[in-house]
Amino acid sequence: VAALQDEKTSLMSENEIMNDRLDQLDDSLDDPNTVVAKKYFHAQLQLEQLQEENFRLEAAKDDYRVHCEDLEKQLIELQHRNNELTSLAEESR
């Protein structure tokens, strides 16, 4: 029981030290002058820019998909029209 109590005390102490370190890291993120905070905010800005670019590219992809579908429909219509005109030309000959 004494050994378990010593281990519990040791783990509680280690947990308290880790919580203090976590609080220090949180505080360093709140201070915009620290290197960690600058890197964090820079990474956050990059993430937002990449998300915006991804949204723009997704919208462009959708636009191109619709345009491609329209072109495919036009191609099919033109192929049918070409076939009709070819058969009419053969009949004329």
Protein backbone atom coordinates (compact mmCIF):
# COMPACT_ATOMS: atom_id res chain seq x y z
CA VAL A 1 0.00 0.00 0.00
CA ALA A 2 2.86 2.36 0.84
CA ALA A 3 4.52 1.64 -2.51
CA LEU A 4 1.26 2.37 -4.34
CA GLN A 5 0.82 5.60 -2.39
CA ASP A 6 4.38 6.64 -3.29
CA GLU A 7 3.70 5.82 -6.94
CA LYS A 8 0.43 7.77 -6.79
CA THR A 9 2.21 10.77 -5.27
CA SER A 10 4.90 10.54 -7.92
CA LEU A 11 2.35 10.35 -10.73
CA MET A 12 0.37 13.25 -9.30
CA SER A 13 3.54 15.31 -9.11
CA GLU A 14 4.45 14.41 -12.70
CA ASN A 15 0.90 15.23 -13.81
CA GLU A 16 1.13 18.63 -12.11
CA ILE A 17 4.46 19.34 -13.83
CA MET A 18 2.97 18.39 -17.21
CA ASN A 19 -0.07 20.61 -16.60
CA ASP A 20 2.25 23.51 -15.73
CA ARG A 21 4.18 22.97 -18.96
CA LEU A 22 0.92 22.85 -20.90
CA ASP A 23 -0.19 26.11 -19.29
CA GLN A 24 3.14 27.69 -20.24
CA LEU A 25 2.68 26.58 -23.84
CA ASP A 26 -0.85 27.96 -23.87
CA ASP A 27 0.43 31.24 -22.47
CA SER A 28 3.17 31.38 -25.11
CA LEU A 29 0.52 31.02 -27.83
CA ASP A 30 -1.41 33.94 -26.35
CA ASP A 31 1.64 36.20 -26.47
CA PRO A 32 1.99 37.22 -30.14
CA ASN A 33 5.68 38.07 -29.68
CA THR A 34 6.92 34.54 -29.00
CA VAL A 35 8.41 32.42 -31.76
CA VAL A 36 5.95 29.61 -31.11
CA ALA A 37 2.99 31.99 -31.38
CA LYS A 38 4.34 33.53 -34.58
CA LYS A 39 4.80 30.10 -36.14
CA TYR A 40 1.33 29.05 -34.97
CA PHE A 41 -0.35 32.12 -36.41
CA HIS A 42 1.64 31.80 -39.63
CA ALA A 43 0.58 28.16 -39.95
CA GLN A 44 -3.02 29.14 -39.21
CA LEU A 45 -2.88 31.85 -41.91
CA GLN A 46 -1.42 29.38 -44.40
CA LEU A 47 -4.18 26.90 -43.55
CA GLU A 48 -6.86 29.53 -44.17
CA GLN A 49 -5.24 30.52 -47.48
CA LEU A 50 -5.04 26.91 -48.59
CA GLN A 51 -8.67 26.33 -47.62
CA GLU A 52 -9.70 29.36 -49.68
CA GLU A 53 -7.62 28.17 -52.63
CA ASN A 54 -9.10 24.68 -52.30
CA PHE A 55 -12.62 26.15 -52.32
CA ARG A 56 -11.78 28.22 -55.41
CA LEU A 57 -10.31 25.20 -57.18
CA GLU A 58 -13.32 23.04 -56.29
CA ALA A 59 -15.63 25.70 -57.74
CA ALA A 60 -13.50 25.89 -60.91
CA LYS A 61 -13.56 22.10 -61.17
CA ASP A 62 -17.35 22.11 -60.98
CA ASP A 63 -17.52 24.83 -63.64
CA TYR A 64 -15.21 22.84 -65.92
CA ARG A 65 -17.26 19.69 -65.36
CA VAL A 66 -20.43 21.49 -66.45
CA HIS A 67 -18.61 23.01 -69.44
CA CYS A 68 -17.23 19.59 -70.39
CA GLU A 69 -20.71 18.05 -70.22
CA ASP A 70 -22.02 20.80 -72.50
CA LEU A 71 -19.20 20.20 -74.95
CA GLU A 72 -19.88 16.46 -74.93
CA LYS A 73 -23.55 17.12 -75.73
CA GLN A 74 -22.52 19.44 -78.56
CA LEU A 75 -20.11 16.81 -79.86
CA ILE A 76 -22.83 14.16 -79.93
CA GLU A 77 -25.22 16.54 -81.71
CA LEU A 78 -22.54 17.48 -84.24
CA GLN A 79 -21.70 13.83 -84.86
CA HIS A 80 -25.37 13.08 -85.51
CA ARG A 81 -25.63 16.12 -87.80
CA ASN A 82 -22.45 15.02 -89.59
CA ASN A 83 -23.89 11.53 -90.09
CA GLU A 84 -27.10 13.02 -91.48
CA LEU A 85 -25.22 15.29 -93.85
CA THR A 86 -22.96 12.44 -94.95
CA SER A 87 -25.96 10.27 -95.77
CA LEU A 88 -27.63 13.15 -97.62
CA ALA A 89 -24.44 13.74 -99.59
CA GLU A 90 -24.29 10.07 -100.54
CA GLU A 91 -27.92 10.17 -101.64
CA SER A 92 -27.22 13.24 -103.76
CA ARG A 93 -24.38 11.48 -105.54
